[in-house]
Protein backbone atom coordinates (compact mmCIF):
# COMPACT_ATOMS: atom_id res chain seq x y z
CA MET A 1 -0.01 -0.02 0.03
CA THR A 2 1.40 3.46 -1.07
CA ASP A 3 1.55 6.29 1.40
CA LYS A 4 -1.34 8.89 1.37
CA LEU A 5 -0.40 12.23 -0.31
CA ILE A 6 -1.71 15.12 1.71
CA ILE A 7 -3.06 17.96 -0.41
CA PHE A 8 -2.78 21.25 1.33
CA ASP A 9 -4.48 23.85 -0.62
CA THR A 10 -3.50 27.35 -0.32
CA THR A 11 -5.73 29.02 -3.04
CA LEU A 12 -7.43 31.14 -0.42
CA ARG A 13 -4.18 32.42 1.24
CA ASP A 14 -1.15 32.50 -1.05
CA GLY A 15 -3.36 32.32 -4.16
CA GLU A 16 -5.29 35.46 -3.15
CA GLN A 17 -1.96 37.24 -3.10
CA SER A 18 -2.03 37.39 -6.94
CA PRO A 19 -1.80 40.82 -8.15
CA GLY A 20 -5.26 42.29 -8.50
CA VAL A 21 -7.21 39.42 -6.72
CA THR A 22 -9.58 40.57 -4.06
CA LEU A 23 -12.13 38.07 -2.83
CA ASN A 24 -14.93 39.06 -0.52
CA THR A 25 -15.85 36.86 2.49
CA ASP A 26 -18.76 35.02 0.79
CA GLU A 27 -16.63 34.32 -2.21
CA LYS A 28 -13.84 32.71 -0.01
CA VAL A 29 -16.46 30.62 1.83
CA GLU A 30 -17.89 29.52 -1.52
CA ILE A 31 -14.38 28.47 -2.89
CA ALA A 32 -13.68 26.70 0.46
CA ARG A 33 -16.89 24.63 0.10
CA GLN A 34 -15.76 23.61 -3.32
CA LEU A 35 -12.42 22.78 -2.14
CA ALA A 36 -13.88 20.48 0.58
CA ARG A 37 -16.10 18.79 -2.02
CA LEU A 38 -13.05 18.36 -4.26
CA GLY A 39 -11.44 16.32 -1.32
CA VAL A 40 -8.49 18.44 -0.35
CA ASP A 41 -7.05 17.42 3.15
CA VAL A 42 -6.17 20.84 4.24
CA ILE A 43 -7.52 24.25 3.36
CA GLU A 44 -5.16 27.26 4.37
CA ALA A 45 -8.02 29.67 4.76
CA GLY A 46 -6.04 32.84 5.14
CA PHE A 47 -3.93 35.05 7.45
CA PRO A 48 -6.30 35.91 10.47
CA VAL A 49 -4.29 38.73 12.13
CA ALA A 50 -4.12 40.80 9.06
CA SER A 51 -7.56 42.42 9.82
CA PRO A 52 -10.92 41.85 11.46
CA GLY A 53 -12.33 41.10 8.06
CA ASP A 54 -9.60 38.52 7.39
CA PHE A 55 -10.08 37.00 10.96
CA ASN A 56 -13.83 36.54 10.17
CA ALA A 57 -13.48 35.07 6.83
CA VAL A 58 -11.27 32.36 8.26
CA GLN A 59 -13.53 31.93 11.16
CA ARG A 60 -16.59 31.54 8.87
CA ILE A 61 -14.80 28.86 6.93
CA ALA A 62 -13.80 26.98 10.02
CA ARG A 63 -17.42 27.15 11.27
CA GLU A 64 -19.27 26.58 8.01
CA VAL A 65 -16.96 24.32 5.95
CA GLY A 66 -14.78 22.63 8.64
CA PRO A 67 -17.55 20.17 9.65
CA SER A 68 -18.80 19.45 6.13
CA MET A 69 -18.60 15.82 4.94
CA GLU A 70 -20.16 16.55 1.56
CA GLY A 71 -18.48 14.55 -1.12
CA ARG A 72 -15.78 13.41 1.26
CA THR A 73 -17.10 9.90 2.01
CA GLY A 74 -16.96 6.56 0.05
CA ASP A 75 -14.25 4.50 -1.61
CA GLY A 76 -11.23 6.36 -2.66
CA ARG A 77 -12.32 9.56 -0.62
CA VAL A 78 -10.67 11.01 2.42
CA ASN A 79 -13.56 9.96 4.69
CA GLU A 80 -12.84 12.62 7.37
CA PRO A 81 -13.40 16.49 7.83
CA VAL A 82 -11.02 18.96 5.98
CA VAL A 83 -8.35 20.59 8.24
CA ILE A 84 -8.73 24.18 8.39
CA CYS A 85 -5.35 26.11 8.79
CA GLY A 86 -4.52 29.62 9.65
CA LEU A 87 -1.19 31.36 8.80
CA ALA A 88 0.66 33.13 11.57
CA ARG A 89 4.10 34.86 11.67
CA SER A 90 6.36 33.91 14.52
CA VAL A 91 4.76 36.59 16.85
CA GLU A 92 2.61 35.68 19.76
CA ASN A 93 -0.42 37.74 18.72
CA ASP A 94 -0.33 36.24 15.26
CA ILE A 95 -0.49 32.79 16.63
CA ARG A 96 -3.31 33.32 19.32
CA THR A 97 -5.45 35.21 16.68
CA ALA A 98 -4.82 32.43 14.23
CA PHE A 99 -5.96 29.84 16.97
CA ASP A 100 -9.16 31.85 17.76
CA ALA A 101 -9.96 32.09 14.04
CA ILE A 102 -9.71 28.12 13.37
CA LYS A 103 -10.57 26.69 16.69
CA ASP A 104 -14.23 26.04 15.85
CA ALA A 105 -13.27 23.63 13.09
CA PRO A 106 -13.20 19.86 14.10
CA ARG A 107 -9.96 19.67 12.70
CA HIS A 108 -7.55 22.61 12.72
CA ARG A 109 -4.01 23.59 12.28
CA ILE A 110 -1.75 26.55 12.94
CA HIS A 111 0.93 27.29 10.36
CA VAL A 112 3.75 29.16 11.79
CA PHE A 113 6.65 30.47 9.69
CA LEU A 114 10.03 32.27 10.16
CA ALA A 115 12.82 32.95 7.67
CA THR A 116 16.10 30.91 8.05
CA SER A 117 18.12 32.20 5.09
CA ASP A 118 21.23 34.40 5.96
CA ILE A 119 20.04 37.18 3.70
CA HIS A 120 16.64 37.35 5.41
CA LEU A 121 17.96 37.02 8.98
CA GLU A 122 20.52 39.91 8.36
CA PHE A 123 18.65 42.21 6.25
CA LYS A 124 14.93 41.63 7.02
CA LEU A 125 14.65 40.26 10.51
CA LYS A 126 18.08 41.57 11.81
CA ILE A 127 18.65 38.63 14.10
CA SER A 128 21.37 36.09 14.50
CA ARG A 129 21.07 32.31 13.96
CA GLU A 130 20.92 31.48 17.66
CA GLN A 131 18.11 34.19 18.03
CA CYS A 132 16.32 32.50 15.10
CA LYS A 133 16.35 29.14 16.68
CA GLN A 134 15.20 30.46 19.98
CA ARG A 135 12.37 32.27 18.39
CA ILE A 136 11.39 29.03 16.68
CA ARG A 137 11.38 27.29 19.97
CA GLU A 138 9.29 29.83 21.79
CA MET A 139 6.69 30.43 18.99
CA VAL A 140 6.26 26.67 17.86
CA GLY A 141 5.85 25.91 21.56
CA LEU A 142 3.24 28.45 22.12
CA ALA A 143 1.25 27.43 19.11
CA LYS A 144 1.64 23.73 20.35
CA SER A 145 0.24 24.91 23.70
CA LEU A 146 -2.95 25.92 21.83
CA CYS A 147 -3.25 23.31 19.11
CA ALA A 148 -2.23 19.65 18.45
CA ASP A 149 -1.59 20.06 14.78
CA ILE A 150 1.42 22.44 14.03
CA GLU A 151 3.12 23.17 10.81
CA PHE A 152 6.34 24.98 10.64
CA SER A 153 7.77 26.60 7.40
CA PRO A 154 11.32 28.02 7.18
CA GLU A 155 10.79 30.90 4.84
CA ASP A 156 13.44 30.88 1.99
CA ALA A 157 14.51 27.38 2.82
CA GLY A 158 15.66 26.96 -0.79
CA ARG A 159 18.62 29.55 -0.06
CA SER A 160 19.28 28.56 3.53
CA ASP A 161 22.50 27.06 4.59
CA HIS A 162 21.62 23.20 4.83
CA ALA A 163 23.21 22.42 8.05
CA PHE A 164 21.63 25.31 9.85
CA LEU A 165 18.44 24.59 8.36
CA ALA A 166 18.37 21.10 9.67
CA GLU A 167 19.40 22.58 13.16
CA ALA A 168 16.33 24.97 13.07
CA LEU A 169 13.96 22.25 11.82
CA ALA A 170 15.13 19.97 14.75
CA VAL A 171 14.21 22.81 17.12
CA ALA A 172 10.71 23.06 15.53
CA ILE A 173 10.20 19.26 15.91
CA GLU A 174 11.39 19.42 19.59
CA ALA A 175 8.91 22.35 20.13
CA GLY A 176 5.96 20.32 18.80
CA ALA A 177 5.72 20.62 15.07
CA THR A 178 4.02 17.80 13.37
CA THR A 179 4.56 19.04 9.74
CA LEU A 180 7.66 20.58 8.29
CA ASN A 181 7.08 22.57 5.16
CA ILE A 182 10.12 23.45 2.93
CA PRO A 183 9.30 26.47 0.70
CA ASP A 184 11.23 27.41 -2.31
CA THR A 185 10.03 30.84 -1.66
CA VAL A 186 11.51 32.56 -4.82
CA GLY A 187 11.09 29.60 -7.19
CA TYR A 188 14.98 29.49 -7.31
CA ASN A 189 15.69 25.59 -7.20
CA SER A 190 15.86 22.99 -9.97
CA PRO A 191 14.10 19.71 -9.44
CA LYS A 192 17.28 17.85 -8.70
CA GLN A 193 18.43 20.71 -6.14
CA TYR A 194 15.00 20.73 -4.56
CA GLY A 195 14.75 16.89 -4.34
CA GLU A 196 18.30 16.61 -2.91
CA LEU A 197 17.34 19.32 -0.23
CA ILE A 198 14.23 17.21 0.91
CA ALA A 199 16.49 14.01 1.15
CA TYR A 200 19.18 15.90 3.00
CA LEU A 201 16.82 17.35 5.48
CA ARG A 202 15.16 14.01 6.17
CA ALA A 203 18.58 12.40 6.60
CA HIS A 204 20.16 15.11 8.72
CA THR A 205 17.31 16.58 10.93
CA GLN A 206 16.90 14.91 14.55
CA GLY A 207 13.50 13.68 14.85
CA ALA A 208 12.68 13.68 10.95
CA GLU A 209 10.97 10.37 11.06
CA SER A 210 8.16 11.80 13.44
CA VAL A 211 6.81 14.60 11.14
CA VAL A 212 5.29 14.95 7.71
CA TRP A 213 7.57 16.65 5.23
CA SER A 214 5.94 19.06 2.90
CA THR A 215 6.69 20.92 -0.31
CA HIS A 216 5.76 24.52 -1.09
CA CYS A 217 7.25 25.56 -4.51
CA HIS A 218 6.84 28.77 -6.51
CA ASN A 219 6.77 28.96 -10.24
CA ASP A 220 9.21 31.85 -11.02
CA LEU A 221 11.25 29.51 -13.49
CA GLY A 222 8.29 27.40 -14.37
CA LEU A 223 9.41 24.47 -12.21
CA ALA A 224 6.87 24.43 -9.41
CA THR A 225 5.15 21.27 -10.20
CA ALA A 226 8.37 19.43 -11.23
CA ASN A 227 9.96 20.58 -7.99
CA SER A 228 7.02 19.46 -5.94
CA LEU A 229 7.13 16.02 -7.41
CA ALA A 230 10.91 15.73 -6.95
CA GLY A 231 10.11 16.42 -3.23
CA VAL A 232 7.56 13.59 -3.18
CA SER A 233 9.99 11.21 -4.82
CA ASN A 234 12.40 12.13 -2.03
CA GLY A 235 10.08 11.55 0.96
CA ALA A 236 7.68 14.49 1.08
CA ARG A 237 4.02 13.43 1.89
CA GLN A 238 2.49 16.88 1.69
CA VAL A 239 2.20 19.27 -1.21
CA GLU A 240 1.07 22.80 -0.93
CA VAL A 241 -0.74 23.74 -4.05
CA ALA A 242 -3.20 26.21 -5.50
CA VAL A 243 -6.06 25.78 -7.91
CA ASN A 244 -4.85 26.90 -11.53
CA GLY A 245 -1.37 27.63 -9.88
CA ILE A 246 -2.40 31.27 -8.96
CA GLY A 247 -0.38 33.11 -6.44
CA GLU A 248 2.42 35.63 -5.92
CA ARG A 249 4.37 36.73 -8.92
CA ALA A 250 4.41 33.59 -11.37
CA GLY A 251 2.26 31.53 -9.10
CA ASN A 252 2.36 28.38 -6.91
CA THR A 253 2.31 24.73 -7.76
CA ALA A 254 -1.07 23.87 -9.62
CA LEU A 255 -3.13 21.56 -7.68
CA GLU A 256 -4.53 19.81 -10.69
CA GLU A 257 -0.97 19.23 -12.20
CA VAL A 258 0.19 17.44 -9.13
CA VAL A 259 -2.82 15.34 -8.56
CA MET A 260 -2.98 14.19 -12.42
CA ASN A 261 0.82 13.36 -12.46
CA VAL A 262 0.14 11.12 -9.32
CA HIS A 263 -3.01 9.74 -10.83
CA THR A 264 -1.43 9.08 -14.36
CA HIS A 265 1.70 7.49 -13.00
CA PRO A 266 0.72 5.37 -10.09
CA ASP A 267 3.89 3.35 -10.23
CA ALA A 268 6.39 6.38 -10.73
CA TYR A 269 5.47 8.07 -7.26
CA PRO A 270 5.02 6.08 -4.12
CA VAL A 271 1.79 7.78 -2.90
CA HIS A 272 -1.86 7.95 -3.60
CA HIS A 273 -4.30 10.70 -3.36
CA THR A 274 -8.00 11.05 -2.54
CA ILE A 275 -9.06 13.97 -4.69
CA ASN A 276 -12.29 13.63 -6.67
CA THR A 277 -10.57 14.41 -10.09
CA ARG A 278 -14.00 14.71 -11.99
CA LEU A 279 -14.32 18.13 -10.00
CA LEU A 280 -11.05 19.72 -11.09
CA PHE A 281 -12.35 21.37 -14.21
CA SER A 282 -15.48 22.89 -12.53
CA THR A 283 -13.36 23.78 -9.46
CA SER A 284 -10.92 25.50 -11.87
CA ARG A 285 -13.65 27.42 -13.49
CA MET A 286 -15.00 28.68 -10.17
CA VAL A 287 -11.58 30.05 -9.04
CA GLU A 288 -11.09 31.61 -12.53
CA ASP A 289 -14.39 33.40 -12.46
CA LEU A 290 -14.41 34.61 -8.83
CA SER A 291 -10.64 35.73 -8.77
CA GLY A 292 -10.67 37.26 -12.29
CA MET A 293 -7.45 35.35 -12.99
CA ALA A 294 -7.93 33.74 -16.50
CA VAL A 295 -6.62 30.33 -17.28
CA GLN A 296 -4.52 30.30 -20.37
CA ALA A 297 -6.01 28.11 -23.05
CA ASN A 298 -3.12 25.77 -23.30
CA LYS A 299 -2.89 25.25 -19.41
CA ALA A 300 -2.26 21.69 -18.59
CA ILE A 301 -5.24 19.69 -17.35
CA VAL A 302 -7.90 22.45 -17.18
CA GLY A 303 -7.06 24.77 -20.05
CA ARG A 304 -9.70 24.97 -22.83
CA ASN A 305 -7.51 23.43 -25.26
CA ALA A 306 -6.14 20.60 -23.10
CA PHE A 307 -8.22 18.04 -25.01
CA LEU A 308 -8.59 19.67 -28.47
CA HIS A 309 -6.85 18.24 -31.45
CA GLU A 310 -6.03 20.57 -34.55
CA SER A 311 -3.45 18.43 -36.41
CA GLY A 312 -4.98 16.01 -38.95
CA ILE A 313 -2.63 13.18 -37.84
CA HIS A 314 -3.66 13.58 -34.31
CA GLN A 315 -7.47 13.84 -35.16
CA ASP A 316 -7.23 10.65 -37.29
CA GLY A 317 -5.47 8.80 -34.43
CA VAL A 318 -8.09 10.03 -31.85
CA LEU A 319 -10.99 8.95 -33.98
CA LYS A 320 -9.54 5.38 -34.18
CA ASN A 321 -8.50 5.23 -30.58
CA LYS A 322 -8.38 8.04 -28.16
CA GLN A 323 -5.46 6.66 -26.33
CA THR A 324 -3.12 7.41 -29.36
CA TYR A 325 -3.06 11.12 -28.33
CA GLU A 326 -4.85 11.41 -24.97
CA ILE A 327 -3.16 10.22 -21.92
CA ILE A 328 -5.92 11.55 -19.67
CA ARG A 329 -9.54 10.82 -20.25
CA PRO A 330 -11.40 14.25 -20.46
CA GLU A 331 -14.19 12.95 -18.28
CA ASP A 332 -11.68 12.15 -15.46
CA VAL A 333 -11.17 15.80 -14.83
CA GLY A 334 -14.72 16.82 -15.42
CA VAL A 335 -14.62 17.65 -19.18
CA THR A 336 -17.85 16.03 -20.26
CA THR A 337 -18.34 14.22 -23.55
CA GLY A 338 -21.86 13.21 -22.83
CA ASN A 339 -24.62 13.50 -25.42
CA LEU A 340 -27.30 14.96 -23.34
CA ALA A 341 -28.58 17.84 -25.16
CA LEU A 342 -30.66 20.62 -23.55
CA GLY A 343 -33.13 22.79 -25.26
CA LYS A 344 -36.18 24.93 -24.53
CA HIS A 345 -38.26 21.81 -23.81
CA SER A 346 -35.78 20.41 -21.28
CA GLY A 347 -37.04 20.40 -17.52
CA ARG A 348 -35.49 20.94 -14.16
CA HIS A 349 -34.55 17.14 -13.99
CA ALA A 350 -32.51 17.28 -17.19
CA PHE A 351 -30.90 20.46 -16.15
CA LYS A 352 -29.97 19.08 -12.71
CA THR A 353 -28.57 16.12 -14.39
CA LYS A 354 -26.50 18.25 -16.64
CA LEU A 355 -25.29 20.29 -13.69
CA GLU A 356 -24.25 17.07 -11.99
CA GLN A 357 -22.23 15.97 -15.04
CA LEU A 358 -20.45 19.19 -15.18
CA GLY A 359 -19.46 19.02 -11.57
CA TYR A 360 -22.19 21.23 -9.92
CA GLY A 361 -24.17 18.49 -8.20
CA GLY A 362 -25.13 18.29 -4.56
CA ALA A 363 -24.80 21.63 -2.71
CA ALA A 364 -22.60 23.27 -5.17
CA LEU A 365 -25.38 25.70 -5.83
CA SER A 366 -27.91 26.84 -3.07
CA ASP A 367 -31.54 26.63 -3.86
CA ALA A 368 -31.95 30.25 -4.75
CA GLN A 369 -28.99 29.98 -7.18
CA PHE A 370 -30.21 26.74 -8.75
CA GLN A 371 -33.60 28.60 -9.39
CA HIS A 372 -31.70 31.66 -10.90
CA ALA A 373 -29.60 29.41 -13.16
CA PHE A 374 -32.73 27.47 -14.33
CA ALA A 375 -34.50 30.67 -15.20
CA LYS A 376 -31.61 32.01 -17.08
CA PHE A 377 -31.24 28.55 -18.81
CA LYS A 378 -34.92 28.68 -20.05
CA ASP A 379 -34.39 32.20 -21.36
CA LEU A 380 -31.20 31.14 -23.23
CA ALA A 381 -32.84 28.06 -24.60
CA ASP A 382 -35.64 29.96 -25.97
CA SER A 383 -33.24 32.22 -27.95
CA LYS A 384 -30.87 29.53 -29.22
CA LYS A 385 -31.60 27.29 -32.27
CA ALA A 386 -28.76 24.91 -31.64
CA GLY A 387 -29.40 24.00 -28.14
CA VAL A 388 -27.66 24.88 -24.87
CA THR A 389 -23.98 23.64 -24.89
CA ASP A 390 -21.64 22.71 -21.92
CA GLY A 391 -19.73 26.03 -22.37
CA ASP A 392 -23.20 27.76 -21.90
CA MET A 393 -23.81 25.79 -18.93
CA HIS A 394 -20.37 26.71 -17.20
CA ALA A 395 -21.07 30.37 -18.09
CA LEU A 396 -24.52 30.36 -16.68
CA VAL A 397 -23.22 29.08 -13.30
CA ALA A 398 -20.36 31.69 -13.26
CA ASP A 399 -22.87 34.34 -13.96
CA VAL A 400 -25.22 33.18 -11.16
CA ARG A 401 -22.56 32.92 -8.69
CA SER A 402 -20.97 36.42 -9.71
CA SER A 403 -24.34 38.18 -9.37
CA THR A 404 -25.39 36.52 -6.23
CA LEU A 405 -21.96 37.06 -4.33
CA ALA A 406 -21.45 40.66 -5.87
CA GLY A 407 -23.54 42.52 -3.27
CA SER A 408 -22.73 40.58 0.02
CA SER A 409 -21.34 42.44 2.89
CA ALA A 410 -17.62 41.45 3.59
CA THR A 411 -18.00 40.26 7.21
CA PRO A 412 -20.71 39.60 9.86
CA ASP A 413 -20.64 41.57 13.00
CA ALA A 414 -19.28 39.88 16.20
CA ALA A 415 -22.78 38.98 17.40
CA SER A 416 -23.86 37.37 13.98
CA ALA A 417 -20.54 35.75 13.71
CA ALA A 418 -21.23 33.79 16.91
CA ALA A 419 -23.64 31.47 15.03
CA PRO A 420 -24.47 30.73 11.55
CA ALA A 421 -27.49 32.43 10.22
CA PRO A 422 -30.46 30.04 10.01
CA ALA A 423 -31.37 28.93 6.54
CA PRO A 424 -34.36 30.51 5.02
CA ALA A 425 -37.33 28.43 4.06
CA SER A 426 -37.63 27.33 0.47
CA THR A 427 -40.22 29.15 -1.57
CA SER A 428 -40.50 26.36 -4.28
CA THR A 429 -41.61 22.83 -4.03
CA ASP A 430 -39.73 21.88 -7.31
CA LEU A 431 -36.15 21.78 -6.30
CA PRO A 432 -33.52 19.13 -6.69
CA GLU A 433 -34.04 16.55 -4.07
CA ASP A 434 -30.56 17.12 -2.56
CA ALA A 435 -30.41 20.87 -3.09
CA HIS A 436 -29.02 22.43 0.13
CA GLU A 437 -30.32 25.86 1.30
CA LEU A 438 -27.46 28.23 2.36
CA PRO A 439 -27.84 31.73 3.73
CA GLU A 440 -28.26 34.09 0.95
CA PRO A 441 -25.87 37.22 0.58
CA ALA A 442 -27.32 40.68 0.92
CA ALA A 443 -28.95 42.33 -1.84
CA GLN A 444 -26.76 44.31 -4.46
CA ARG A 445 -26.90 47.91 -4.12
CA TYR A 446 -27.39 48.58 -7.80
CA THR A 447 -29.30 46.66 -10.42
CA LEU A 448 -30.00 47.52 -14.03
CA ARG A 449 -33.62 48.51 -14.63
CA HIS A 450 -33.57 49.88 -18.23
CA MET A 451 -30.89 50.57 -20.81
CA GLN A 452 -31.04 52.15 -24.35
CA VAL A 453 -27.96 52.62 -26.55
CA PHE A 454 -27.71 54.48 -29.61
CA THR A 455 -24.57 53.91 -31.81
CA GLY A 456 -23.53 53.50 -35.43
CA VAL A 457 -20.88 54.39 -38.15
CA GLY A 458 -20.46 58.14 -38.15
CA ILE A 459 -22.59 58.55 -34.98
CA THR A 460 -21.63 59.59 -31.46
CA PRO A 461 -22.54 56.77 -29.19
CA THR A 462 -25.05 57.61 -26.51
CA ALA A 463 -26.40 55.42 -23.64
CA THR A 464 -29.40 56.13 -21.20
CA VAL A 465 -29.49 53.91 -18.28
CA THR A 466 -31.79 53.39 -15.26
CA LEU A 467 -30.35 51.90 -12.06
CA HIS A 468 -32.22 50.85 -9.04
CA ASP A 469 -30.40 51.95 -5.88
CA ALA A 470 -31.34 49.44 -3.10
CA GLN A 471 -29.90 51.80 -0.48
CA LEU A 472 -31.90 54.74 -1.52
CA ALA A 473 -34.89 52.61 -2.51
CA GLN A 474 -35.40 54.40 -5.81
CA ASP A 475 -34.60 54.40 -9.57
CA LEU A 476 -32.09 56.81 -10.85
CA THR A 477 -31.74 57.62 -14.59
CA ASP A 478 -29.01 59.44 -16.43
CA ALA A 479 -27.34 59.66 -19.97
CA ALA A 480 -23.79 60.02 -21.40
CA LEU A 481 -22.09 60.46 -24.81
CA ALA A 482 -18.79 58.71 -25.74
CA GLN A 483 -16.11 58.96 -28.19
CA ASN A 484 -15.00 55.40 -28.11
CA GLY A 485 -18.28 53.08 -28.57
CA PRO A 486 -21.42 52.10 -26.82
CA ILE A 487 -19.62 50.32 -23.88
CA GLU A 488 -17.77 53.45 -22.90
CA ALA A 489 -20.99 55.44 -22.97
CA ILE A 490 -22.73 52.86 -20.73
CA TYR A 491 -19.80 52.70 -18.20
CA SER A 492 -19.69 56.52 -18.14
CA VAL A 493 -23.53 56.88 -17.27
CA ILE A 494 -23.20 54.27 -14.67
CA GLN A 495 -20.42 56.34 -13.15
CA ARG A 496 -22.44 59.42 -13.22
CA ILE A 497 -25.33 57.72 -11.52
CA THR A 498 -23.21 56.07 -8.81
CA LYS A 499 -21.13 59.11 -8.49
CA LEU A 500 -18.02 56.92 -8.46
CA ASP A 501 -14.73 57.48 -10.37
CA ILE A 502 -13.91 54.03 -11.61
CA GLU A 503 -10.91 52.77 -13.53
CA LEU A 504 -11.44 49.93 -16.03
CA LEU A 505 -8.57 47.76 -15.77
CA ASN A 506 -9.59 44.82 -17.95
CA PHE A 507 -12.37 44.02 -20.31
CA ASN A 508 -12.81 40.64 -22.00
CA VAL A 509 -15.65 39.23 -24.09
CA SER A 510 -15.81 35.71 -25.49
CA ALA A 511 -18.25 33.25 -26.91
CA THR A 512 -19.19 30.18 -25.07
CA SER A 513 -20.02 28.20 -28.03
CA GLU A 514 -20.24 28.59 -31.88
CA GLY A 515 -22.84 30.32 -33.88
CA GLN A 516 -24.38 33.84 -34.12
CA ASP A 517 -26.88 33.14 -31.27
CA THR A 518 -24.10 31.91 -28.95
CA LEU A 519 -24.06 33.21 -25.44
CA GLY A 520 -21.51 36.10 -24.80
CA LYS A 521 -19.61 36.13 -21.66
CA VAL A 522 -18.15 39.27 -20.52
CA ALA A 523 -15.56 39.60 -17.57
CA VAL A 524 -14.20 42.99 -16.22
CA ARG A 525 -11.90 44.21 -13.63
CA ILE A 526 -12.07 47.69 -12.00
CA ALA A 527 -10.65 49.63 -9.26
CA ARG A 528 -11.43 52.97 -7.66
CA LYS A 529 -9.53 55.61 -9.64
CA SER A 530 -6.94 57.37 -7.30
CA GLU A 531 -4.41 60.11 -7.85
CA PRO A 532 -1.00 58.64 -8.60
CA ALA A 533 1.39 59.31 -5.79
CA GLU A 534 5.25 59.59 -6.25
CA PRO A 535 6.67 56.54 -4.54
CA ALA A 536 9.39 57.07 -1.82
CA GLU A 537 12.84 56.81 -2.87
CA GLY A 538 13.81 53.17 -3.02
CA ALA A 539 10.20 52.00 -2.80
CA LEU A 540 8.67 49.47 -5.11
CA THR A 541 5.15 50.04 -6.65
CA ALA A 542 2.75 47.10 -6.20
CA TYR A 543 -0.03 46.46 -8.79
CA GLY A 544 -1.91 44.88 -6.07
CA ALA A 545 -1.67 47.71 -3.58
CA GLU A 546 -5.22 49.06 -4.45
CA PRO A 547 -7.99 46.52 -4.36
CA LYS A 548 -9.36 45.23 -7.63
CA PHE A 549 -12.79 43.80 -8.21
CA THR A 550 -14.08 41.55 -11.00
CA GLY A 551 -17.55 41.09 -12.39
CA LEU A 552 -18.84 38.62 -14.81
CA SER A 553 -22.23 38.24 -16.73
CA THR A 554 -23.67 36.42 -19.63
CA ASN A 555 -26.19 37.18 -22.23
CA VAL A 556 -26.83 36.66 -25.83
CA ASP A 557 -26.72 40.49 -26.14
CA ILE A 558 -23.03 41.42 -25.30
CA ILE A 559 -24.05 45.00 -24.68
CA THR A 560 -26.27 43.92 -21.79
CA ALA A 561 -23.69 41.43 -20.40
CA SER A 562 -21.14 44.18 -20.49
CA ALA A 563 -23.43 46.59 -18.26
CA ASN A 564 -24.26 43.72 -15.93
CA ALA A 565 -20.60 42.64 -15.63
CA TYR A 566 -19.57 46.21 -14.78
CA LEU A 567 -22.34 46.47 -12.25
CA ALA A 568 -21.22 43.23 -10.70
CA ALA A 569 -17.80 44.35 -10.02
CA LEU A 570 -19.07 47.83 -8.83
CA ASN A 571 -21.29 46.16 -6.29
CA ARG A 572 -18.32 44.43 -4.96
CA LEU A 573 -16.35 47.57 -4.74
CA VAL A 574 -19.11 49.43 -2.81
CA SER A 575 -19.88 46.51 -0.60
CA HIS A 576 -15.99 46.24 0.32
CA ASP A 577 -15.98 50.10 0.84
CA ALA A 578 -18.92 49.85 3.11
CA ALA A 579 -17.71 47.10 5.39
CA ASP A 580 -13.98 48.15 5.15
CA THR A 581 -12.81 45.27 7.49
CA ARG A 582 -10.54 43.28 5.26
CA ALA A 583 -6.87 44.18 5.12
CA SER A 584 -5.39 45.83 1.98
CA HIS A 585 -3.72 43.47 -0.54
CA LYS A 586 -0.33 44.73 0.72
CA ASP A 587 -1.01 43.94 4.25
CA ARG A 588 -2.28 40.51 3.52
CA ASN A 589 0.84 39.59 1.52
CA VAL A 590 3.16 37.22 3.20
CA ASN A 591 5.89 35.36 1.43
CA ILE A 592 6.65 31.63 2.34
């Protein structure tokens, strides 16, 4: 029997440090639910000490996701609740705050880190090697007094002196660490170097046999997955990963790549996993849509081209036998090849079955989200001659999630955080049997009531828009001209109505299938416009310093989709401003 490979997911902590990514609390909880269904063993939910909002986000995940067993039982599954982990620097307040945030999860872990490379000790921490070991002893010991499951990471281990690193890790083991994570913080190592480092530390660290060894590799040189697998080959039994490989700079090790390497090569690696690989594609799409971090088309495993064949020779081989050019079956990662076609005569049962095939079964959608998605599906089916495709279905789910999470408040207050809100009663008797009612987010501040656009060749585009302001409980109408097309006119008038000065950072429109009646999917990223400030001498400018907000919408009319995507992003912005309890991107950033 091979060893169990522990999948430690850091999408919600290290992944959220990607430049421009800002998730609100409900979005973080939604992703955490999906990660638990996927079967990850550990969710690093965040950095609780960063702010009250970050603390509450981690606490909600501990309380709401920590006990969940949905999708985690049966043959080949983990069959126990997910571990909820909070990150802490080697500082007493960090450690106590992390414990308070995660303690309500049935299984919880504190992740403590401290740099060990000479360059970090001298220039960042300004402490000696002996002082470093003493701090590890004290802070890991403090964490152990609060929590049985303790992980320690020596930041910049890849550039640390190996002999000193082994000494520091022995101190961590003696103080109570149960997992030792070896980060290649700047993605510097080659697979040979990293594998040899893991082997050296396991051979030269006193007490090495009593702990789990873990990898944490960054992708600066494109070697994160290769390095992580080299670590596994040399005795690591935990890998720290992120969905789609998102993260600081060039990103982290991609969860789906490590899992499918182990899955595809059962004889090459002495480990097995308990991930439900059929949820990989839908999980990837969720993280892409909510984070605004687009997955490149040729991305391994989850890219849109991963199972497409353009070459005539390849097409001929695949038609004769798929194994000629496909080493992974598309359905094994959730890319469906079924023939269940949906149209205007399809009912709820067929719609629910298709959602399950695509990885959105069970409680992936709340009752209200399911009803919203079904209503949008019926509208789309009425307008499409060729039927609703899998691409359309993925886009519909993304649209529903984007709209229902856009207006939610960032965090509950202390009183409401003490206990989960009661689930509202269902208003429909025609729901999926296993649909699960979740607390619905707060209403969006702004919704589109009416829009008229006038444009053409040789004509100055104009737009008249009516928005409903839920806070003022009234409809607001205005108009605007633009020099650069109807989208600019719409966005200008929305800014006039809301009295917000918004910078459009990214605008993307794509088709979800083929044909003139295809569904258009629009994704935007915005930020509040601010006066550029001169950076202090020697300071670095950070793209992620100002919060960025994404919005997504689908419609056969891309003008309407563009307006609704912009409003979804804007609602996230005003909700974030209203609560103002999550730390800035800069304050949440910690390198490991």
